[in-house]
C-alpha atoms as a PDB file:
ATOM      1  CA  MET A   1       0.000   0.000   0.000  1.00  0.00           C
ATOM      2  CA  THR A   2       1.268   3.451  -0.804  1.00  0.00           C
ATOM      3  CA  GLU A   3       2.262   5.806   1.970  1.00  0.00           C
ATOM      4  CA  ARG A   4      -0.041   8.778   2.449  1.00  0.00           C
ATOM      5  CA  TYR A   5       1.400  12.228   3.025  1.00  0.00           C
ATOM      6  CA  ALA A   6      -0.989  14.573   4.797  1.00  0.00           C
ATOM      7  CA  TYR A   7       0.221  17.758   3.111  1.00  0.00           C
ATOM      8  CA  VAL A   8      -0.410  18.296  -0.594  1.00  0.00           C
ATOM      9  CA  VAL A   9       0.527  21.544  -2.318  1.00  0.00           C
ATOM     10  CA  GLY A  10      -1.057  22.322  -5.686  1.00  0.00           C
ATOM     11  CA  VAL A  11       0.765  24.510  -8.202  1.00  0.00           C
ATOM     12  CA  ASP A  12      -0.574  25.939 -11.440  1.00  0.00           C
ATOM     13  CA  THR A  13       1.752  27.874 -13.729  1.00  0.00           C
ATOM     14  CA  GLY A  14      -0.639  27.787 -16.683  1.00  0.00           C
ATOM     15  CA  LEU A  15       1.696  25.400 -18.528  1.00  0.00           C
ATOM     16  CA  VAL A  16       0.412  24.546 -21.987  1.00  0.00           C
ATOM     17  CA  GLY A  17       2.625  21.972 -23.622  1.00  0.00           C
ATOM     18  CA  ALA A  18       3.734  18.375 -23.759  1.00  0.00           C
ATOM     19  CA  LEU A  19       3.770  16.135 -20.717  1.00  0.00           C
ATOM     20  CA  ARG A  20       7.560  16.015 -21.042  1.00  0.00           C
ATOM     21  CA  GLU A  21       7.606  19.767 -20.338  1.00  0.00           C
ATOM     22  CA  ALA A  22       5.359  19.247 -17.311  1.00  0.00           C
ATOM     23  CA  ASP A  23       7.675  16.485 -16.040  1.00  0.00           C
ATOM     24  CA  HIS A  24      10.666  18.796 -16.457  1.00  0.00           C
ATOM     25  CA  LEU A  25       8.923  21.649 -14.615  1.00  0.00           C
ATOM     26  CA  LEU A  26       7.800  19.330 -11.813  1.00  0.00           C
ATOM     27  CA  ARG A  27      11.308  17.908 -11.305  1.00  0.00           C
ATOM     28  CA  GLY A  28      12.849  21.374 -11.448  1.00  0.00           C
ATOM     29  CA  LEU A  29      10.457  22.792  -8.864  1.00  0.00           C
ATOM     30  CA  ALA A  30      11.038  19.791  -6.583  1.00  0.00           C
ATOM     31  CA  VAL A  31      14.793  20.446  -6.669  1.00  0.00           C
ATOM     32  CA  GLU A  32      14.262  24.183  -6.184  1.00  0.00           C
ATOM     33  CA  LEU A  33      12.072  23.475  -3.156  1.00  0.00           C
ATOM     34  CA  GLY A  34      14.713  21.147  -1.729  1.00  0.00           C
ATOM     35  CA  ALA A  35      12.199  18.312  -1.755  1.00  0.00           C
ATOM     36  CA  ALA A  36      13.410  16.119  -4.633  1.00  0.00           C
ATOM     37  CA  GLU A  37      14.205  13.145  -2.392  1.00  0.00           C
ATOM     38  CA  ASP A  38      11.204  13.079  -0.081  1.00  0.00           C
ATOM     39  CA  VAL A  39       8.269  14.139  -2.217  1.00  0.00           C
ATOM     40  CA  TRP A  40       5.507  12.756  -4.387  1.00  0.00           C
ATOM     41  CA  GLY A  41       4.939  14.799  -7.542  1.00  0.00           C
ATOM     42  CA  CYS A  42       2.050  14.549 -10.003  1.00  0.00           C
ATOM     43  CA  THR A  43       0.762  16.287 -13.101  1.00  0.00           C
ATOM     44  CA  HIS A  44      -2.934  17.063 -13.575  1.00  0.00           C
ATOM     45  CA  HIS A  45      -4.977  18.067 -16.622  1.00  0.00           C
ATOM     46  CA  VAL A  46      -6.930  21.267 -15.973  1.00  0.00           C
ATOM     47  CA  ARG A  47      -9.915  21.732 -18.244  1.00  0.00           C
ATOM     48  CA  ASP A  48     -11.901  24.270 -16.210  1.00  0.00           C
ATOM     49  CA  GLY A  49     -12.159  27.879 -17.235  1.00  0.00           C
ATOM     50  CA  GLY A  50      -9.944  29.037 -20.078  1.00  0.00           C
ATOM     51  CA  ARG A  51      -7.383  27.104 -22.033  1.00  0.00           C
ATOM     52  CA  PRO A  52      -6.685  23.456 -21.082  1.00  0.00           C
ATOM     53  CA  HIS A  53      -3.308  23.131 -19.413  1.00  0.00           C
ATOM     54  CA  THR A  54      -1.316  21.151 -16.852  1.00  0.00           C
ATOM     55  CA  ALA A  55      -1.074  21.814 -13.117  1.00  0.00           C
ATOM     56  CA  LEU A  56       1.164  20.066 -10.594  1.00  0.00           C
ATOM     57  CA  SER A  57       0.890  18.694  -7.085  1.00  0.00           C
ATOM     58  CA  PHE A  58       3.496  17.867  -4.468  1.00  0.00           C
ATOM     59  CA  ALA A  59       2.815  15.697  -1.425  1.00  0.00           C
ATOM     60  CA  VAL A  60       5.305  16.329   1.359  1.00  0.00           C
ATOM     61  CA  PRO A  61       5.786  14.670   4.763  1.00  0.00           C
ATOM     62  CA  SER A  62       5.396  17.692   7.037  1.00  0.00           C
ATOM     63  CA  GLU A  63       3.455  20.904   7.468  1.00  0.00           C
ATOM     64  CA  ARG A  64       6.754  22.764   7.707  1.00  0.00           C
ATOM     65  CA  ALA A  65       7.815  21.506   4.254  1.00  0.00           C
ATOM     66  CA  ALA A  66       4.382  22.339   2.833  1.00  0.00           C
ATOM     67  CA  ARG A  67       4.389  25.895   4.218  1.00  0.00           C
ATOM     68  CA  ALA A  68       7.931  26.492   2.933  1.00  0.00           C
ATOM     69  CA  ALA A  69       6.862  25.292  -0.521  1.00  0.00           C
ATOM     70  CA  VAL A  70       3.807  27.559  -0.521  1.00  0.00           C
ATOM     71  CA  ARG A  71       5.927  30.596   0.420  1.00  0.00           C
ATOM     72  CA  ARG A  72       8.514  29.947  -2.308  1.00  0.00           C
ATOM     73  CA  LEU A  73       5.980  29.178  -5.028  1.00  0.00           C
ATOM     74  CA  ALA A  74       3.688  32.119  -4.182  1.00  0.00           C
ATOM     75  CA  GLU A  75       6.667  34.466  -4.666  1.00  0.00           C
ATOM     76  CA  ARG A  76       6.804  33.343  -8.302  1.00  0.00           C
ATOM     77  CA  GLU A  77       3.226  34.478  -9.077  1.00  0.00           C
ATOM     78  CA  PHE A  78       2.045  30.909  -9.616  1.00  0.00           C
ATOM     79  CA  GLY A  79      -1.347  29.703  -8.494  1.00  0.00           C
ATOM     80  CA  VAL A  80      -0.721  27.826  -5.240  1.00  0.00           C
ATOM     81  CA  ALA A  81      -3.056  25.914  -2.930  1.00  0.00           C
ATOM     82  CA  LEU A  82      -2.668  24.116   0.387  1.00  0.00           C
ATOM     83  CA  GLY A  83      -5.943  22.962   1.917  1.00  0.00           C
ATOM     84  CA  ALA A  84      -8.327  25.952   1.856  1.00  0.00           C
ATOM     85  CA  GLU A  85      -5.430  28.403   1.446  1.00  0.00           C
ATOM     86  CA  ARG A  86      -5.017  30.009  -2.027  1.00  0.00           C
ATOM     87  CA  HIS A  87      -2.366  32.305  -3.515  1.00  0.00           C
ATOM     88  CA  GLY A  88      -1.800  33.909  -6.898  1.00  0.00           C
ATOM     89  CA  PRO A  89      -4.114  34.701  -9.805  1.00  0.00           C
ATOM     90  CA  ALA A  90      -7.628  33.347  -9.181  1.00  0.00           C
ATOM     91  CA  ASP A  91      -7.770  31.071 -12.237  1.00  0.00           C
ATOM     92  CA  LEU A  92      -4.368  29.547 -11.484  1.00  0.00           C
ATOM     93  CA  ALA A  93      -5.159  29.221  -7.772  1.00  0.00           C
ATOM     94  CA  ALA A  94      -8.324  27.302  -8.720  1.00  0.00           C
ATOM     95  CA  GLY A  95      -6.304  24.944 -10.935  1.00  0.00           C
ATOM     96  CA  ALA A  96      -3.790  24.455  -8.132  1.00  0.00           C
ATOM     97  CA  ALA A  97      -6.594  23.686  -5.670  1.00  0.00           C
ATOM     98  CA  ARG A  98      -8.072  21.104  -8.011  1.00  0.00           C
ATOM     99  CA  ALA A  99      -4.684  19.420  -8.512  1.00  0.00           C
ATOM    100  CA  ALA A 100      -4.061  19.322  -4.755  1.00  0.00           C
ATOM    101  CA  ALA A 101      -7.529  17.892  -4.079  1.00  0.00           C
ATOM    102  CA  GLU A 102      -7.190  15.159  -6.714  1.00  0.00           C
ATOM    103  CA  HIS A 103      -3.817  14.149  -5.316  1.00  0.00           C
ATOM    104  CA  ALA A 104      -4.903  14.268  -1.666  1.00  0.00           C
ATOM    105  CA  GLU A 105      -8.042  12.247  -2.405  1.00  0.00           C
ATOM    106  CA  ARG A 106      -6.127   9.924  -4.763  1.00  0.00           C
ATOM    107  CA  THR A 107      -8.692  10.339  -7.504  1.00  0.00           C
ATOM    108  CA  GLY A 108      -6.490  11.858 -10.190  1.00  0.00           C
ATOM    109  CA  GLY A 109      -2.970  12.764 -11.099  1.00  0.00           C
ATOM    110  CA  ARG A 110      -0.148  11.238 -13.106  1.00  0.00           C
ATOM    111  CA  ALA A 111       2.734  10.370 -10.779  1.00  0.00           C
ATOM    112  CA  VAL A 112       6.214  11.432 -11.886  1.00  0.00           C
ATOM    113  CA  LEU A 113       8.007  11.505  -8.527  1.00  0.00           C
ATOM    114  CA  TYR A 114       7.161   8.678  -6.130  1.00  0.00           C
ATOM    115  CA  PRO A 115       9.027   6.138  -3.999  1.00  0.00           C
ATOM    116  CA  GLY A 116      10.850   3.604  -6.155  1.00  0.00           C
ATOM    117  CA  ALA A 117      10.362   5.468  -9.452  1.00  0.00           C
ATOM    118  CA  GLU A 118      14.073   5.906 -10.149  1.00  0.00           C
ATOM    119  CA  ALA A 119      14.696   2.146  -9.880  1.00  0.00           C
ATOM    120  CA  LEU A 120      12.114   1.272 -12.541  1.00  0.00           C
ATOM    121  CA  THR A 121      14.525   0.987 -15.451  1.00  0.00           C
ATOM    122  CA  GLY A 122      15.062  -1.676 -18.070  1.00  0.00           C
ATOM    123  CA  THR A 123      12.921  -4.787 -17.783  1.00  0.00           C
ATOM    124  CA  VAL A 124      11.312  -5.758 -14.471  1.00  0.00           C
ATOM    125  CA  THR A 125       8.701  -8.289 -13.450  1.00  0.00           C
ATOM    126  CA  VAL A 126       5.287  -7.185 -12.287  1.00  0.00           C
ATOM    127  CA  ALA A 127       6.140  -8.561  -8.829  1.00  0.00           C
ATOM    128  CA  ARG A 128       9.386  -6.559  -8.632  1.00  0.00           C
ATOM    129  CA  LEU A 129       7.676  -3.374  -9.812  1.00  0.00           C
ATOM    130  CA  LEU A 130       4.976  -3.708  -7.153  1.00  0.00           C
ATOM    131  CA  ALA A 131       7.393  -4.681  -4.365  1.00  0.00           C
ATOM    132  CA  GLY A 132       9.990  -2.018  -5.148  1.00  0.00           C
ATOM    133  CA  SER A 133       7.847   1.022  -5.832  1.00  0.00           C
ATOM    134  CA  ALA A 134       4.761   2.863  -4.648  1.00  0.00           C
ATOM    135  CA  VAL A 135       2.681   1.430  -7.509  1.00  0.00           C
ATOM    136  CA  ASP A 136      -0.283  -0.470  -6.034  1.00  0.00           C
ATOM    137  CA  ARG A 137      -1.556  -2.249  -9.116  1.00  0.00           C
ATOM    138  CA  VAL A 138      -0.712  -3.005 -12.752  1.00  0.00           C
ATOM    139  CA  ALA A 139      -3.562  -3.008 -15.273  1.00  0.00           C
ATOM    140  CA  VAL A 140      -3.443  -4.293 -18.854  1.00  0.00           C
ATOM    141  CA  LEU A 141      -5.476  -2.510 -21.526  1.00  0.00           C
ATOM    142  CA  GLY A 142      -8.368  -4.675 -22.657  1.00  0.00           C
ATOM    143  CA  ALA A 143      -7.855  -7.296 -19.945  1.00  0.00           C
ATOM    144  CA  PRO A 144     -10.274  -7.620 -17.021  1.00  0.00           C
ATOM    145  CA  ASP A 145      -7.621  -9.022 -14.676  1.00  0.00           C
ATOM    146  CA  GLY A 146      -4.110  -7.883 -13.865  1.00  0.00           C
ATOM    147  CA  PRO A 147      -1.031  -9.629 -15.241  1.00  0.00           C
ATOM    148  CA  GLU A 148       0.757 -12.566 -13.619  1.00  0.00           C
ATOM    149  CA  PRO A 149       3.473 -11.590 -11.107  1.00  0.00           C
ATOM    150  CA  GLU A 150       6.242 -13.093 -13.267  1.00  0.00           C
ATOM    151  CA  ARG A 151       5.215 -11.209 -16.428  1.00  0.00           C
ATOM    152  CA  ARG A 152       7.945  -8.865 -17.642  1.00  0.00           C
ATOM    153  CA  ILE A 153       7.453  -5.129 -18.162  1.00  0.00           C
ATOM    154  CA  VAL A 154       9.833  -3.285 -20.499  1.00  0.00           C
ATOM    155  CA  THR A 155       9.781   0.073 -18.713  1.00  0.00           C
ATOM    156  CA  ARG A 156      11.510   2.152 -21.399  1.00  0.00           C
ATOM    157  CA  ASP A 157      12.760   4.020 -18.306  1.00  0.00           C
ATOM    158  CA  HIS A 158       9.428   5.854 -18.215  1.00  0.00           C
ATOM    159  CA  VAL A 159       6.853   4.648 -15.675  1.00  0.00           C
ATOM    160  CA  ARG A 160       3.986   7.085 -15.020  1.00  0.00           C
ATOM    161  CA  PRO A 161       1.195   5.494 -12.962  1.00  0.00           C
ATOM    162  CA  GLU A 162      -2.013   7.385 -12.197  1.00  0.00           C
ATOM    163  CA  TRP A 163      -4.143   7.752  -9.094  1.00  0.00           C
ATOM    164  CA  ARG A 164      -7.433   5.882  -9.539  1.00  0.00           C
ATOM    165  CA  GLU A 165      -9.925   5.216  -6.771  1.00  0.00           C
ATOM    166  CA  GLY A 166      -7.294   5.475  -4.058  1.00  0.00           C
ATOM    167  CA  GLN A 167      -4.654   3.345  -5.772  1.00  0.00           C
ATOM    168  CA  LEU A 168      -1.588   4.197  -7.825  1.00  0.00           C
ATOM    169  CA  VAL A 169      -2.204   2.210 -11.028  1.00  0.00           C
ATOM    170  CA  LEU A 170       0.197   1.607 -13.902  1.00  0.00           C
ATOM    171  CA  THR A 171      -1.649   0.968 -17.152  1.00  0.00           C
ATOM    172  CA  THR A 172       0.259  -1.263 -19.553  1.00  0.00           C
ATOM    173  CA  MET A 173      -0.302  -2.819 -22.957  1.00  0.00           C
ATOM    174  CA  PRO A 174       0.913  -6.054 -24.533  1.00  0.00           C
ATOM    175  CA  ALA A 175       4.197  -5.888 -26.458  1.00  0.00           C
ATOM    176  CA  ALA A 176       6.535  -8.190 -28.370  1.00  0.00           C
ATOM    177  CA  GLY A 177       7.595 -11.474 -26.835  1.00  0.00           C
ATOM    178  CA  GLY A 178       4.767 -11.631 -24.322  1.00  0.00           C
ATOM    179  CA  THR A 179       6.056  -8.599 -22.435  1.00  0.00           C
ATOM    180  CA  LEU A 180       4.166  -5.515 -21.344  1.00  0.00           C
ATOM    181  CA  VAL A 181       5.067  -1.847 -21.783  1.00  0.00           C
ATOM    182  CA  PRO A 182       3.662   1.190 -19.972  1.00  0.00           C
ATOM    183  CA  PHE A 183       0.801   2.690 -21.961  1.00  0.00           C
ATOM    184  CA  GLU A 184       2.395   6.151 -21.883  1.00  0.00           C
ATOM    185  CA  VAL A 185       5.170   6.490 -24.453  1.00  0.00           C
ATOM    186  CA  PRO A 186       8.295   8.374 -23.246  1.00  0.00           C
ATOM    187  CA  GLU A 187       8.539  10.683 -26.268  1.00  0.00           C
ATOM    188  CA  PRO A 188       5.243  10.627 -28.156  1.00  0.00           C
ATOM    189  CA  THR A 189       5.051  11.873 -31.714  1.00  0.00           C
ATOM    190  CA  PRO A 190       2.871  14.979 -31.789  1.00  0.00           C
ATOM    191  CA  CYS A 191      -0.402  14.624 -33.634  1.00  0.00           C
ATOM    192  CA  CYS A 192      -0.062  15.510 -37.300  1.00  0.00           C
ATOM    193  CA  ALA A 193       3.751  15.715 -36.989  1.00  0.00           C
ATOM    194  CA  ASP A 194       4.175  14.801 -40.644  1.00  0.00           C
ATOM    195  CA  HIS A 195       2.020  17.663 -41.970  1.00  0.00           C
END
């Protein structure tokens, strides 16, 4: 079972771009906040209000770390939320609040930083992935049941599970040789790239 951190800070910079850019921003902010080692970090699609974009959330182990993050992020004119507290432009603060709520309630969010993520490289078994990381469950597209524990997952060094109904779930799809691969591709080709 995944560890629950009581303090979740939502951040909305209004980022419109590829998920790779959101991952880069999330990792950069985690380092800037001094929380890269002891933090959960997620991306969230924001569709409310104006233009669809990506917000972020950070779950940290203490109120002190959360308050320090809020102070630093609010200085940058980002939308920031911690519980009922809001900072920054109203539309961005609303996006930040939504991201924080989804993460805290474990109903949404694409995990980029989480315990065990850095070790998920190369090919691992389902059992090893579940035992060595915060991922609670592996799902296979089109299959009603999860894969066998000994089934191999070719991670492509890019494992982005999502919060669903209180669990961190990695969605996979069948690949060559009876293996699985994460559904999310590390460097997707943009739609209509050949036009």
